[in-house]
Amino acid sequence: MRIDDSGGVALTHVSAFCLPRALITVRLDDGFDIEDVVRRWDANSDLLKYGKRALEHGLLDVIIDQYFETLQALDDQVEELQGLLFDETQPDSRPLQRRTFELRSALLRARRVLLPMRDLVETVMRRASESDAAPELLSYFQDLNDHVLRAAEWSESLREMVASIFETNISLADARLNVVVRRLTAWAAIVAVPTAITGYFGQNLKFPLFGTTTGFAVSLLLIVGLCTGLWAVFKRKGWL
């Protein structure tokens, strides 16, 4: 399991067959580098005296380490999303929603691999405990089992964080929409004032100050005064 170029999780299938005096691995592609396993065996050459169980441990150890590297990369992506969540310079939240969905899918893909690995490590550890050839390896397999459990808990924590980011993003989008609606409502109320006043003074009827300069001045003062008053009220309430 590793991170591909697009930031998703790429999986590689590795099969292992344990023979009495050998361990055979079968890989369908180059996604898993067996040279890492060989280097791990060379670094722990003192364990090789225990035979195939030590080879199993080295193979599983490399695979589980790759799990942690992948989860660390996903954790970094989650932190990056958290930083973009309150970025006001990006009003369009669709890219963030798309990236959150992709990251959530990547975590689900990783968990489909992590959960069965717990059963696999427990099975190998149980068989090692039943074997008289490698009782000293039990502590090493127990350490592998602890690492798998930690990786599974880490992936669950990341999944919950991504779900929280998704829900928070929706809440922020609703909050931004409410702000926009309030501003539109405030400006609509302000614009309605000159519309109403000019509509009244535009009647083809005789009324006080009709067709006079004073009437024009009165209507202008009403428009400026009422619009300024409404603007001040909405500004004080935070609508503008």
C-alpha atoms as a PDB file:
ATOM      1  CA  MET A   1       0.000   0.000   0.000  1.00  0.00           C
ATOM      2  CA  ARG A   2       1.436   3.370  -1.035  1.00  0.00           C
ATOM      3  CA  ILE A   3       0.400   6.866  -2.149  1.00  0.00           C
ATOM      4  CA  ASP A   4       0.180   7.285  -5.920  1.00  0.00           C
ATOM      5  CA  ASP A   5       0.852  10.431  -7.941  1.00  0.00           C
ATOM      6  CA  SER A   6      -2.749  11.653  -7.584  1.00  0.00           C
ATOM      7  CA  GLY A   7      -2.652  11.429  -3.783  1.00  0.00           C
ATOM      8  CA  GLY A   8      -4.772   8.276  -3.622  1.00  0.00           C
ATOM      9  CA  VAL A   9      -3.943   4.857  -2.233  1.00  0.00           C
ATOM     10  CA  ALA A  10      -2.411   2.323  -4.611  1.00  0.00           C
ATOM     11  CA  LEU A  11      -2.542  -1.329  -3.576  1.00  0.00           C
ATOM     12  CA  THR A  12      -0.182  -4.107  -4.534  1.00  0.00           C
ATOM     13  CA  HIS A  13      -1.056  -7.764  -4.052  1.00  0.00           C
ATOM     14  CA  VAL A  14       1.700  -9.873  -2.491  1.00  0.00           C
ATOM     15  CA  SER A  15       1.295 -13.607  -1.907  1.00  0.00           C
ATOM     16  CA  ALA A  16       3.640 -15.644   0.268  1.00  0.00           C
ATOM     17  CA  PHE A  17       4.001 -19.424   0.447  1.00  0.00           C
ATOM     18  CA  CYS A  18       5.805 -20.931   3.392  1.00  0.00           C
ATOM     19  CA  LEU A  19       7.693 -24.141   2.700  1.00  0.00           C
ATOM     20  CA  PRO A  20       9.586 -26.156   5.294  1.00  0.00           C
ATOM     21  CA  ARG A  21      12.881 -24.492   4.329  1.00  0.00           C
ATOM     22  CA  ALA A  22      11.863 -21.554   2.164  1.00  0.00           C
ATOM     23  CA  LEU A  23       9.561 -18.569   1.768  1.00  0.00           C
ATOM     24  CA  ILE A  24       8.254 -17.846  -1.742  1.00  0.00           C
ATOM     25  CA  THR A  25       6.664 -14.510  -2.619  1.00  0.00           C
ATOM     26  CA  VAL A  26       4.547 -13.822  -5.699  1.00  0.00           C
ATOM     27  CA  ARG A  27       4.015 -10.235  -6.892  1.00  0.00           C
ATOM     28  CA  LEU A  28       1.876  -9.193  -9.831  1.00  0.00           C
ATOM     29  CA  ASP A  29       3.595  -5.842 -10.386  1.00  0.00           C
ATOM     30  CA  ASP A  30       6.530  -3.707  -9.240  1.00  0.00           C
ATOM     31  CA  GLY A  31       4.531  -1.821  -6.618  1.00  0.00           C
ATOM     32  CA  PHE A  32       6.189  -3.782  -3.830  1.00  0.00           C
ATOM     33  CA  ASP A  33       9.988  -3.735  -3.777  1.00  0.00           C
ATOM     34  CA  ILE A  34      11.284  -7.046  -2.481  1.00  0.00           C
ATOM     35  CA  GLU A  35      14.720  -5.454  -2.060  1.00  0.00           C
ATOM     36  CA  ASP A  36      13.354  -3.640   1.008  1.00  0.00           C
ATOM     37  CA  VAL A  37      12.529  -7.018   2.514  1.00  0.00           C
ATOM     38  CA  VAL A  38      15.999  -8.358   1.727  1.00  0.00           C
ATOM     39  CA  ARG A  39      17.577  -5.338   3.378  1.00  0.00           C
ATOM     40  CA  ARG A  40      15.358  -5.885   6.413  1.00  0.00           C
ATOM     41  CA  TRP A  41      16.475  -9.511   6.607  1.00  0.00           C
ATOM     42  CA  ASP A  42      20.123  -8.427   6.358  1.00  0.00           C
ATOM     43  CA  ALA A  43      19.606  -5.827   9.091  1.00  0.00           C
ATOM     44  CA  ASN A  44      18.169  -8.516  11.404  1.00  0.00           C
ATOM     45  CA  SER A  45      20.435 -11.351  10.394  1.00  0.00           C
ATOM     46  CA  ASP A  46      20.532 -12.655  13.975  1.00  0.00           C
ATOM     47  CA  LEU A  47      16.878 -13.693  13.581  1.00  0.00           C
ATOM     48  CA  LEU A  48      17.485 -15.758  10.468  1.00  0.00           C
ATOM     49  CA  LYS A  49      18.590 -18.689  12.600  1.00  0.00           C
ATOM     50  CA  TYR A  50      14.894 -19.213  13.389  1.00  0.00           C
ATOM     51  CA  GLY A  51      14.201 -20.117   9.779  1.00  0.00           C
ATOM     52  CA  LYS A  52      11.068 -19.332   7.808  1.00  0.00           C
ATOM     53  CA  ARG A  53       9.332 -17.675  10.762  1.00  0.00           C
ATOM     54  CA  ALA A  54      12.006 -14.999  10.732  1.00  0.00           C
ATOM     55  CA  LEU A  55      11.484 -14.535   6.992  1.00  0.00           C
ATOM     56  CA  GLU A  56       7.743 -14.137   7.593  1.00  0.00           C
ATOM     57  CA  HIS A  57       8.458 -11.556  10.256  1.00  0.00           C
ATOM     58  CA  GLY A  58      10.721  -9.547   7.944  1.00  0.00           C
ATOM     59  CA  LEU A  59       8.162  -9.559   5.132  1.00  0.00           C
ATOM     60  CA  LEU A  60       5.287  -8.507   7.384  1.00  0.00           C
ATOM     61  CA  ASP A  61       7.445  -5.888   9.076  1.00  0.00           C
ATOM     62  CA  VAL A  62       8.181  -4.170   5.753  1.00  0.00           C
ATOM     63  CA  ILE A  63       4.523  -4.310   4.682  1.00  0.00           C
ATOM     64  CA  ILE A  64       3.308  -2.821   7.961  1.00  0.00           C
ATOM     65  CA  ASP A  65       5.957  -0.082   7.797  1.00  0.00           C
ATOM     66  CA  GLN A  66       4.566   0.845   4.388  1.00  0.00           C
ATOM     67  CA  TYR A  67       1.136   1.100   6.008  1.00  0.00           C
ATOM     68  CA  PHE A  68       2.491   3.666   8.461  1.00  0.00           C
ATOM     69  CA  GLU A  69       4.168   5.648   5.670  1.00  0.00           C
ATOM     70  CA  THR A  70       0.895   5.708   3.739  1.00  0.00           C
ATOM     71  CA  LEU A  71      -1.109   6.757   6.790  1.00  0.00           C
ATOM     72  CA  GLN A  72       1.414   9.499   7.531  1.00  0.00           C
ATOM     73  CA  ALA A  73       0.978  10.852   3.994  1.00  0.00           C
ATOM     74  CA  LEU A  74      -2.803  10.729   4.405  1.00  0.00           C
ATOM     75  CA  ASP A  75      -2.469  12.482   7.773  1.00  0.00           C
ATOM     76  CA  ASP A  76      -0.521  15.282   6.085  1.00  0.00           C
ATOM     77  CA  GLN A  77      -3.300  15.633   3.512  1.00  0.00           C
ATOM     78  CA  VAL A  78      -5.884  15.846   6.293  1.00  0.00           C
ATOM     79  CA  GLU A  79      -3.900  18.639   7.968  1.00  0.00           C
ATOM     80  CA  GLU A  80      -3.715  20.450   4.639  1.00  0.00           C
ATOM     81  CA  LEU A  81      -7.494  20.211   4.290  1.00  0.00           C
ATOM     82  CA  GLN A  82      -7.935  21.580   7.789  1.00  0.00           C
ATOM     83  CA  GLY A  83      -5.802  24.573   6.821  1.00  0.00           C
ATOM     84  CA  LEU A  84      -7.924  25.222   3.729  1.00  0.00           C
ATOM     85  CA  LEU A  85     -11.185  24.843   5.605  1.00  0.00           C
ATOM     86  CA  PHE A  86     -11.219  28.429   6.939  1.00  0.00           C
ATOM     87  CA  ASP A  87      -9.414  30.005   3.991  1.00  0.00           C
ATOM     88  CA  GLU A  88     -11.644  32.933   3.046  1.00  0.00           C
ATOM     89  CA  THR A  89      -9.653  33.583  -0.132  1.00  0.00           C
ATOM     90  CA  GLN A  90     -11.291  30.508  -1.688  1.00  0.00           C
ATOM     91  CA  PRO A  91     -15.040  31.151  -1.638  1.00  0.00           C
ATOM     92  CA  ASP A  92     -15.751  28.182  -3.895  1.00  0.00           C
ATOM     93  CA  SER A  93     -15.877  25.132  -1.625  1.00  0.00           C
ATOM     94  CA  ARG A  94     -16.398  22.577  -4.385  1.00  0.00           C
ATOM     95  CA  PRO A  95     -12.679  21.731  -4.818  1.00  0.00           C
ATOM     96  CA  LEU A  96     -12.408  21.227  -1.057  1.00  0.00           C
ATOM     97  CA  GLN A  97     -15.473  18.994  -1.032  1.00  0.00           C
ATOM     98  CA  ARG A  98     -14.097  16.965  -3.941  1.00  0.00           C
ATOM     99  CA  ARG A  99     -10.704  16.553  -2.239  1.00  0.00           C
ATOM    100  CA  THR A 100     -12.396  15.577   1.020  1.00  0.00           C
ATOM    101  CA  PHE A 101     -14.417  12.918  -0.775  1.00  0.00           C
ATOM    102  CA  GLU A 102     -11.300  11.584  -2.516  1.00  0.00           C
ATOM    103  CA  LEU A 103      -9.407  11.444   0.777  1.00  0.00           C
ATOM    104  CA  ARG A 104     -12.297   9.677   2.445  1.00  0.00           C
ATOM    105  CA  SER A 105     -12.326   7.094  -0.353  1.00  0.00           C
ATOM    106  CA  ALA A 106      -8.557   6.628   0.040  1.00  0.00           C
ATOM    107  CA  LEU A 107      -8.946   5.992   3.770  1.00  0.00           C
ATOM    108  CA  LEU A 108     -11.695   3.456   3.168  1.00  0.00           C
ATOM    109  CA  ARG A 109      -9.455   1.733   0.645  1.00  0.00           C
ATOM    110  CA  ALA A 110      -6.638   1.623   3.200  1.00  0.00           C
ATOM    111  CA  ARG A 111      -8.915   0.234   5.917  1.00  0.00           C
ATOM    112  CA  ARG A 112      -9.988  -2.622   3.659  1.00  0.00           C
ATOM    113  CA  VAL A 113      -6.349  -3.712   3.749  1.00  0.00           C
ATOM    114  CA  LEU A 114      -5.586  -2.920   7.381  1.00  0.00           C
ATOM    115  CA  LEU A 115      -8.451  -4.803   8.979  1.00  0.00           C
ATOM    116  CA  PRO A 116      -7.691  -8.203   7.375  1.00  0.00           C
ATOM    117  CA  MET A 117      -4.004  -7.718   8.196  1.00  0.00           C
ATOM    118  CA  ARG A 118      -4.838  -7.902  11.900  1.00  0.00           C
ATOM    119  CA  ASP A 119      -6.253 -11.384  11.460  1.00  0.00           C
ATOM    120  CA  LEU A 120      -3.273 -12.401   9.344  1.00  0.00           C
ATOM    121  CA  VAL A 121      -0.716 -11.265  11.919  1.00  0.00           C
ATOM    122  CA  GLU A 122      -2.650 -12.936  14.724  1.00  0.00           C
ATOM    123  CA  THR A 123      -2.741 -16.183  12.748  1.00  0.00           C
ATOM    124  CA  VAL A 124       0.994 -16.089  12.052  1.00  0.00           C
ATOM    125  CA  MET A 125       1.689 -15.227  15.690  1.00  0.00           C
ATOM    126  CA  ARG A 126      -0.477 -18.107  16.894  1.00  0.00           C
ATOM    127  CA  ARG A 127       1.300 -20.568  14.628  1.00  0.00           C
ATOM    128  CA  ALA A 128       4.654 -19.250  15.795  1.00  0.00           C
ATOM    129  CA  SER A 129       3.589 -19.826  19.402  1.00  0.00           C
ATOM    130  CA  GLU A 130       2.618 -23.394  18.556  1.00  0.00           C
ATOM    131  CA  SER A 131       6.002 -24.025  16.956  1.00  0.00           C
ATOM    132  CA  ASP A 132       8.900 -25.104  19.124  1.00  0.00           C
ATOM    133  CA  ALA A 133      11.333 -23.875  16.501  1.00  0.00           C
ATOM    134  CA  ALA A 134      10.845 -20.161  17.077  1.00  0.00           C
ATOM    135  CA  PRO A 135       9.437 -19.347  20.536  1.00  0.00           C
ATOM    136  CA  GLU A 136      11.823 -16.370  20.809  1.00  0.00           C
ATOM    137  CA  LEU A 137      10.076 -14.712  17.874  1.00  0.00           C
ATOM    138  CA  LEU A 138       6.824 -14.314  19.771  1.00  0.00           C
ATOM    139  CA  SER A 139       7.810 -10.900  21.114  1.00  0.00           C
ATOM    140  CA  TYR A 140       8.641  -9.747  17.585  1.00  0.00           C
ATOM    141  CA  PHE A 141       5.300 -10.943  16.237  1.00  0.00           C
ATOM    142  CA  GLN A 142       3.545  -9.341  19.203  1.00  0.00           C
ATOM    143  CA  ASP A 143       5.240  -6.071  18.254  1.00  0.00           C
ATOM    144  CA  LEU A 144       3.932  -6.484  14.703  1.00  0.00           C
ATOM    145  CA  ASN A 145       0.453  -7.096  16.048  1.00  0.00           C
ATOM    146  CA  ASP A 146       0.644  -3.934  18.153  1.00  0.00           C
ATOM    147  CA  HIS A 147       1.740  -1.957  15.096  1.00  0.00           C
ATOM    148  CA  VAL A 148      -1.199  -3.250  13.059  1.00  0.00           C
ATOM    149  CA  LEU A 149      -3.619  -2.294  15.817  1.00  0.00           C
ATOM    150  CA  ARG A 150      -2.086   1.181  16.010  1.00  0.00           C
ATOM    151  CA  ALA A 151      -2.360   1.564  12.242  1.00  0.00           C
ATOM    152  CA  ALA A 152      -6.016   0.506  12.319  1.00  0.00           C
ATOM    153  CA  GLU A 153      -6.769   2.974  15.124  1.00  0.00           C
ATOM    154  CA  TRP A 154      -4.896   5.698  13.243  1.00  0.00           C
ATOM    155  CA  SER A 155      -6.911   5.076  10.080  1.00  0.00           C
ATOM    156  CA  GLU A 156     -10.147   5.203  12.088  1.00  0.00           C
ATOM    157  CA  SER A 157      -9.081   8.498  13.656  1.00  0.00           C
ATOM    158  CA  LEU A 158      -8.271   9.941  10.223  1.00  0.00           C
ATOM    159  CA  ARG A 159     -11.618   8.761   8.880  1.00  0.00           C
ATOM    160  CA  GLU A 160     -13.425  10.548  11.697  1.00  0.00           C
ATOM    161  CA  MET A 161     -11.382  13.706  11.080  1.00  0.00           C
ATOM    162  CA  VAL A 162     -12.249  13.662   7.368  1.00  0.00           C
ATOM    163  CA  ALA A 163     -15.938  13.184   8.208  1.00  0.00           C
ATOM    164  CA  SER A 164     -15.681  16.137  10.607  1.00  0.00           C
ATOM    165  CA  ILE A 165     -14.033  18.266   7.893  1.00  0.00           C
ATOM    166  CA  PHE A 166     -16.807  17.376   5.454  1.00  0.00           C
ATOM    167  CA  GLU A 167     -19.547  18.284   7.946  1.00  0.00           C
ATOM    168  CA  THR A 168     -17.758  21.475   8.998  1.00  0.00           C
ATOM    169  CA  ASN A 169     -17.370  22.513   5.364  1.00  0.00           C
ATOM    170  CA  ILE A 170     -21.121  22.095   4.825  1.00  0.00           C
ATOM    171  CA  SER A 171     -21.835  24.141   7.964  1.00  0.00           C
ATOM    172  CA  LEU A 172     -19.482  26.900   6.817  1.00  0.00           C
ATOM    173  CA  ALA A 173     -21.135  26.929   3.389  1.00  0.00           C
ATOM    174  CA  ASP A 174     -24.528  27.358   5.059  1.00  0.00           C
ATOM    175  CA  ALA A 175     -23.139  30.147   7.223  1.00  0.00           C
ATOM    176  CA  ARG A 176     -21.698  31.943   4.180  1.00  0.00           C
ATOM    177  CA  LEU A 177     -25.035  31.580   2.410  1.00  0.00           C
ATOM    178  CA  ASN A 178     -26.817  33.135   5.388  1.00  0.00           C
ATOM    179  CA  VAL A 179     -24.415  36.082   5.314  1.00  0.00           C
ATOM    180  CA  VAL A 180     -25.044  36.610   1.593  1.00  0.00           C
ATOM    181  CA  VAL A 181     -28.812  36.427   2.082  1.00  0.00           C
ATOM    182  CA  ARG A 182     -28.694  38.984   4.901  1.00  0.00           C
ATOM    183  CA  ARG A 183     -26.633  41.373   2.791  1.00  0.00           C
ATOM    184  CA  LEU A 184     -28.949  41.017  -0.191  1.00  0.00           C
ATOM    185  CA  THR A 185     -31.949  41.596   2.063  1.00  0.00           C
ATOM    186  CA  ALA A 186     -30.371  44.719   3.547  1.00  0.00           C
ATOM    187  CA  TRP A 187     -29.491  46.206   0.165  1.00  0.00           C
ATOM    188  CA  ALA A 188     -32.932  45.320  -1.186  1.00  0.00           C
ATOM    189  CA  ALA A 189     -34.520  47.257   1.696  1.00  0.00           C
ATOM    190  CA  ILE A 190     -32.257  50.252   1.033  1.00  0.00           C
ATOM    191  CA  VAL A 191     -32.979  50.221  -2.700  1.00  0.00           C
ATOM    192  CA  ALA A 192     -36.716  49.986  -1.996  1.00  0.00           C
ATOM    193  CA  VAL A 193     -36.660  53.426  -0.352  1.00  0.00           C
ATOM    194  CA  PRO A 194     -35.814  55.524  -3.437  1.00  0.00           C
ATOM    195  CA  THR A 195     -38.057  53.297  -5.523  1.00  0.00           C
ATOM    196  CA  ALA A 196     -41.042  53.996  -3.258  1.00  0.00           C
ATOM    197  CA  ILE A 197     -40.368  57.739  -2.937  1.00  0.00           C
ATOM    198  CA  THR A 198     -39.722  58.368  -6.638  1.00  0.00           C
ATOM    199  CA  GLY A 199     -42.791  56.293  -7.424  1.00  0.00           C
ATOM    200  CA  TYR A 200     -44.925  58.440  -5.129  1.00  0.00           C
ATOM    201  CA  PHE A 201     -43.618  61.741  -6.457  1.00  0.00           C
ATOM    202  CA  GLY A 202     -43.924  60.466  -9.994  1.00  0.00           C
ATOM    203  CA  GLN A 203     -47.725  60.321  -9.854  1.00  0.00           C
ATOM    204  CA  ASN A 204     -49.635  62.294 -12.499  1.00  0.00           C
ATOM    205  CA  LEU A 205     -51.734  63.884  -9.763  1.00  0.00           C
ATOM    206  CA  LYS A 206     -51.792  67.261  -8.134  1.00  0.00           C
ATOM    207  CA  PHE A 207     -50.354  67.036  -4.633  1.00  0.00           C
ATOM    208  CA  PRO A 208     -48.566  69.506  -2.380  1.00  0.00           C
ATOM    209  CA  LEU A 209     -45.247  70.693  -3.844  1.00  0.00           C
ATOM    210  CA  PHE A 210     -46.121  69.104  -7.207  1.00  0.00           C
ATOM    211  CA  GLY A 211     -43.867  70.366  -9.997  1.00  0.00           C
ATOM    212  CA  THR A 212     -41.803  72.598  -7.693  1.00  0.00           C
ATOM    213  CA  THR A 213     -38.140  72.756  -6.819  1.00  0.00           C
ATOM    214  CA  THR A 214     -39.033  72.381  -3.162  1.00  0.00           C
ATOM    215  CA  GLY A 215     -40.798  69.097  -3.867  1.00  0.00           C
ATOM    216  CA  PHE A 216     -37.717  67.796  -5.628  1.00  0.00           C
ATOM    217  CA  ALA A 217     -35.515  68.840  -2.695  1.00  0.00           C
ATOM    218  CA  VAL A 218     -37.873  67.200  -0.196  1.00  0.00           C
ATOM    219  CA  SER A 219     -37.940  63.931  -2.124  1.00  0.00           C
ATOM    220  CA  LEU A 220     -34.143  63.968  -2.444  1.00  0.00           C
ATOM    221  CA  LEU A 221     -33.684  64.601   1.264  1.00  0.00           C
ATOM    222  CA  LEU A 222     -36.108  61.780   2.110  1.00  0.00           C
ATOM    223  CA  ILE A 223     -34.221  59.375  -0.130  1.00  0.00           C
ATOM    224  CA  VAL A 224     -30.805  60.303   1.284  1.00  0.00           C
ATOM    225  CA  GLY A 225     -31.995  60.385   4.900  1.00  0.00           C
ATOM    226  CA  LEU A 226     -33.936  57.120   4.867  1.00  0.00           C
ATOM    227  CA  CYS A 227     -31.249  55.245   2.905  1.00  0.00           C
ATOM    228  CA  THR A 228     -28.537  56.506   5.238  1.00  0.00           C
ATOM    229  CA  GLY A 229     -30.593  55.552   8.286  1.00  0.00           C
ATOM    230  CA  LEU A 230     -31.278  52.048   6.973  1.00  0.00           C
ATOM    231  CA  TRP A 231     -27.611  51.607   6.074  1.00  0.00           C
ATOM    232  CA  ALA A 232     -26.582  52.624   9.600  1.00  0.00           C
ATOM    233  CA  VAL A 233     -29.101  50.241  11.197  1.00  0.00           C
ATOM    234  CA  PHE A 234     -28.038  47.275   9.060  1.00  0.00           C
ATOM    235  CA  LYS A 235     -24.370  48.103   9.578  1.00  0.00           C
ATOM    236  CA  ARG A 236     -24.809  48.159  13.343  1.00  0.00           C
ATOM    237  CA  LYS A 237     -26.541  44.770  13.257  1.00  0.00           C
ATOM    238  CA  GLY A 238     -23.785  43.284  11.131  1.00  0.00           C
ATOM    239  CA  TRP A 239     -25.870  42.737   8.010  1.00  0.00           C
ATOM    240  CA  LEU A 240     -23.561  44.906   5.892  1.00  0.00           C
END
